[in-house]
Amino acid sequence: TSPDLPEGWKGVDLEQGESLGRDGSLDYHRDLIATVRAAASVKTRFVVLPESALGFWTPTVAGVWQEGLRGSELIVIAGAAVIDPGGYDNVMVAVSADEARILYRERMPVPVSMWQPWRAWTGQGGGARVNLFGNAVVDTGSQKVAVLICYEQLLLWPVLQSMLHSPTAVVAPGNGWWTAGTSIVAIQNASVMAWAKLFGLPVVTAFNR
């Protein structure tokens, strides 16, 4: 059985396959904002979207979302990528009508496909950054949250590192379109649920398939 959701929180699963986050058009973001608003109930304060849902995180994207959430009390926590010439951070952002900020930087991206340290060794840019000992928990205002993005849900140390900081909830987003035909997403969900139950914490999941 699934652990309880934190009060006022809701996770939204998407079925956008590999197109998730790769369409930076205004229509894409407006449609996603409409999906968030439709999914939220009167009691919903926080809506969690999957890893990579917002694509590249830019001031323009932040502005579109802030405007789209105008008139609501919603805070959307969604996956994005922050890029610069040296590489990128796989992040979760928190955006509302009043504020847009980076909430969490992934501690352990998937080796080889995302984390490519040899690029730096050979003077090349690119690849996801590792934030091994950073942001074990993050403050959302209503909860002290342990965020576990995708691959982190299968590792021992990110979970235990977060639990040492006494979180009050777990947020577990992922993007599993590339695992179609396998049980990987189900295994990730089972792992997160087991950890949440072991530590007696509510959990919010949001996956793209």
Protein backbone atom coordinates (compact mmCIF):
# COMPACT_ATOMS: atom_id res chain seq x y z
CA THR A 1 0.00 0.00 0.00
CA SER A 2 1.16 3.51 -0.75
CA PRO A 3 2.14 5.87 2.10
CA ASP A 4 -0.07 8.87 2.70
CA LEU A 5 0.42 12.07 0.75
CA PRO A 6 1.50 15.13 2.73
CA GLU A 7 -1.53 17.32 3.38
CA GLY A 8 -2.10 19.77 0.53
CA TRP A 9 0.26 18.00 -1.89
CA LYS A 10 -0.44 16.23 -5.18
CA GLY A 11 1.79 14.44 -7.68
CA VAL A 12 0.87 14.54 -11.37
CA ASP A 13 2.03 11.72 -13.65
CA LEU A 14 2.46 12.48 -17.35
CA GLU A 15 2.52 10.31 -20.45
CA GLN A 16 4.52 12.43 -22.87
CA GLY A 17 7.27 9.94 -23.62
CA GLU A 18 10.58 11.30 -24.87
CA SER A 19 8.99 14.63 -25.88
CA LEU A 20 8.73 15.74 -22.23
CA GLY A 21 10.65 18.97 -21.72
CA ARG A 22 11.96 19.06 -25.31
CA ASP A 23 9.26 21.37 -26.60
CA GLY A 24 10.06 24.85 -25.34
CA SER A 25 7.10 26.48 -27.03
CA LEU A 26 4.66 28.79 -25.28
CA ASP A 27 1.82 26.41 -26.14
CA TYR A 28 3.62 23.52 -24.40
CA HIS A 29 4.02 25.46 -21.17
CA ARG A 30 0.47 26.82 -21.29
CA ASP A 31 -0.89 23.30 -21.75
CA LEU A 32 1.18 22.06 -18.80
CA ILE A 33 -0.02 24.96 -16.64
CA ALA A 34 -3.60 24.06 -17.57
CA THR A 35 -2.90 20.43 -16.59
CA VAL A 36 -1.61 21.56 -13.20
CA ARG A 37 -4.61 23.79 -12.56
CA ALA A 38 -7.03 21.04 -13.57
CA ALA A 39 -5.31 18.50 -11.31
CA ALA A 40 -5.37 20.75 -8.23
CA SER A 41 -8.29 20.57 -5.84
CA VAL A 42 -9.44 23.31 -3.48
CA LYS A 43 -7.16 21.96 -0.75
CA THR A 44 -4.09 21.53 -2.97
CA ARG A 45 -1.22 23.89 -2.26
CA PHE A 46 1.72 22.01 -3.86
CA VAL A 47 1.72 20.18 -7.20
CA VAL A 48 4.71 18.02 -8.15
CA LEU A 49 5.58 17.39 -11.82
CA PRO A 50 8.09 14.82 -13.15
CA GLU A 51 11.80 15.21 -13.72
CA SER A 52 12.61 17.36 -16.81
CA ALA A 53 8.99 18.54 -17.19
CA LEU A 54 9.91 22.19 -17.80
CA GLY A 55 12.91 21.61 -20.05
CA PHE A 56 15.54 24.36 -19.89
CA TRP A 57 15.01 26.69 -16.92
CA THR A 58 15.29 30.29 -18.12
CA PRO A 59 13.92 33.65 -16.94
CA THR A 60 11.38 33.47 -19.78
CA VAL A 61 10.07 30.06 -18.67
CA ALA A 62 9.93 31.26 -15.07
CA GLY A 63 7.93 34.31 -16.16
CA VAL A 64 5.47 32.25 -18.20
CA TRP A 65 4.80 29.99 -15.23
CA GLN A 66 4.47 32.82 -12.73
CA GLU A 67 1.96 34.53 -14.99
CA GLY A 68 0.11 31.25 -15.58
CA LEU A 69 -0.25 30.69 -11.83
CA ARG A 70 -1.45 34.23 -11.19
CA GLY A 71 -4.61 34.28 -9.09
CA SER A 72 -3.88 30.93 -7.43
CA GLU A 73 -2.07 29.91 -4.25
CA LEU A 74 -0.40 26.97 -6.00
CA ILE A 75 3.30 26.21 -5.76
CA VAL A 76 4.52 23.93 -8.54
CA ILE A 77 7.60 21.78 -7.97
CA ALA A 78 8.86 20.54 -11.32
CA GLY A 79 11.96 19.16 -13.00
CA ALA A 80 14.14 21.29 -15.26
CA ALA A 81 17.72 21.72 -16.45
CA VAL A 82 19.95 24.71 -15.67
CA ILE A 83 22.68 24.95 -18.30
CA ASP A 84 25.89 26.93 -18.76
CA PRO A 85 28.99 26.48 -20.95
CA GLY A 86 30.49 23.96 -18.52
CA GLY A 87 27.54 21.58 -18.29
CA TYR A 88 24.17 21.46 -16.57
CA ASP A 89 22.39 20.78 -13.30
CA ASN A 90 19.38 18.50 -13.19
CA VAL A 91 17.09 20.38 -10.82
CA MET A 92 13.68 20.69 -9.27
CA VAL A 93 12.32 24.23 -9.25
CA ALA A 94 9.60 25.76 -7.11
CA VAL A 95 7.43 28.32 -8.88
CA SER A 96 4.36 30.27 -7.80
CA ALA A 97 2.74 33.51 -8.86
CA ASP A 98 5.11 35.37 -6.53
CA GLU A 99 8.39 33.50 -6.78
CA ALA A 100 10.48 31.18 -8.95
CA ARG A 101 13.59 29.50 -7.57
CA ILE A 102 15.76 26.44 -7.84
CA LEU A 103 14.68 24.16 -5.01
CA TYR A 104 16.98 21.15 -5.43
CA ARG A 105 20.03 20.13 -7.47
CA GLU A 106 20.35 16.42 -8.18
CA ARG A 107 23.07 14.83 -6.07
CA MET A 108 23.73 11.78 -8.25
CA PRO A 109 22.79 11.90 -11.95
CA VAL A 110 22.88 8.65 -13.91
CA PRO A 111 26.53 7.78 -14.69
CA VAL A 112 27.57 7.78 -18.37
CA SER A 113 24.26 8.98 -19.83
CA MET A 114 24.16 12.12 -17.64
CA TRP A 115 27.25 12.31 -15.43
CA GLN A 116 30.32 12.30 -17.69
CA PRO A 117 33.34 13.37 -15.59
CA TRP A 118 35.84 12.46 -18.31
CA ARG A 119 34.63 15.47 -20.29
CA ALA A 120 36.13 17.82 -17.72
CA TRP A 121 39.31 15.76 -17.54
CA THR A 122 39.80 16.21 -21.28
CA GLY A 123 38.92 19.91 -21.29
CA GLN A 124 35.46 19.46 -22.77
CA GLY A 125 32.22 20.91 -21.46
CA GLY A 126 28.90 19.19 -21.04
CA GLY A 127 27.34 16.54 -18.84
CA ALA A 128 25.37 16.77 -15.64
CA ARG A 129 27.01 18.00 -12.46
CA VAL A 130 27.20 15.95 -9.30
CA ASN A 131 26.19 17.64 -6.04
CA LEU A 132 27.17 14.73 -3.82
CA PHE A 133 26.77 16.33 -0.41
CA GLY A 134 24.45 19.21 -1.24
CA ASN A 135 20.82 19.90 -0.36
CA ALA A 136 20.06 16.71 1.56
CA VAL A 137 16.76 18.33 2.51
CA VAL A 138 15.03 21.45 1.18
CA ASP A 139 12.48 23.76 2.78
CA THR A 140 9.22 24.30 0.91
CA GLY A 141 7.59 26.40 3.59
CA SER A 142 5.22 23.68 4.73
CA GLN A 143 7.53 20.67 4.69
CA LYS A 144 11.19 19.82 5.16
CA VAL A 145 11.53 17.66 2.06
CA ALA A 146 13.92 14.93 0.98
CA VAL A 147 14.00 15.07 -2.83
CA LEU A 148 15.10 11.96 -4.71
CA ILE A 149 15.24 12.35 -8.49
CA CYS A 150 14.91 9.13 -10.49
CA TYR A 151 18.26 7.26 -10.21
CA GLU A 152 18.71 8.53 -6.65
CA GLN A 153 15.67 6.46 -5.66
CA LEU A 154 17.70 3.28 -6.28
CA LEU A 155 20.77 4.31 -4.27
CA LEU A 156 21.38 3.82 -0.57
CA TRP A 157 23.36 6.88 0.41
CA PRO A 158 21.15 9.73 -0.90
CA VAL A 159 18.26 8.34 1.12
CA LEU A 160 20.28 7.88 4.30
CA GLN A 161 21.96 11.28 3.87
CA SER A 162 18.53 12.90 3.68
CA MET A 163 17.15 10.94 6.62
CA LEU A 164 20.00 12.16 8.83
CA HIS A 165 18.49 15.65 8.42
CA SER A 166 15.02 14.59 9.68
CA PRO A 167 12.78 15.40 6.69
CA THR A 168 9.02 15.53 7.12
CA ALA A 169 8.17 14.26 3.62
CA VAL A 170 9.71 12.65 0.53
CA VAL A 171 9.30 14.00 -3.02
CA ALA A 172 10.25 11.48 -5.71
CA PRO A 173 9.99 12.61 -9.36
CA GLY A 174 11.27 10.66 -12.35
CA ASN A 175 11.29 10.45 -16.13
CA GLY A 176 11.00 6.84 -17.23
CA TRP A 177 9.93 6.96 -20.88
CA TRP A 178 13.14 5.18 -21.93
CA THR A 179 12.28 2.20 -19.69
CA ALA A 180 9.14 1.24 -21.65
CA GLY A 181 8.60 -2.52 -21.54
CA THR A 182 10.58 -2.92 -18.31
CA SER A 183 9.70 -2.81 -14.61
CA ILE A 184 12.26 -0.09 -13.76
CA VAL A 185 9.69 2.59 -12.87
CA ALA A 186 7.75 0.13 -10.72
CA ILE A 187 10.99 -0.84 -8.94
CA GLN A 188 11.80 2.83 -8.29
CA ASN A 189 8.31 3.40 -6.88
CA ALA A 190 8.57 0.32 -4.69
CA SER A 191 11.95 1.47 -3.38
CA VAL A 192 10.66 4.95 -2.51
CA MET A 193 7.54 3.55 -0.84
CA ALA A 194 9.62 1.13 1.23
CA TRP A 195 11.99 3.87 2.44
CA ALA A 196 9.07 6.17 3.23
CA LYS A 197 7.33 3.49 5.26
CA LEU A 198 10.54 2.55 7.07
CA PHE A 199 10.98 6.14 8.25
CA GLY A 200 7.26 6.84 8.67
CA LEU A 201 7.13 9.64 6.09
CA PRO A 202 4.48 10.71 3.56
CA VAL A 203 5.67 10.64 -0.05
CA VAL A 204 4.73 12.33 -3.33
CA THR A 205 5.71 10.74 -6.65
CA ALA A 206 5.44 12.13 -10.19
CA PHE A 207 6.63 10.14 -13.20
CA ASN A 208 6.62 10.60 -16.94
CA ARG A 209 6.21 7.51 -19.05
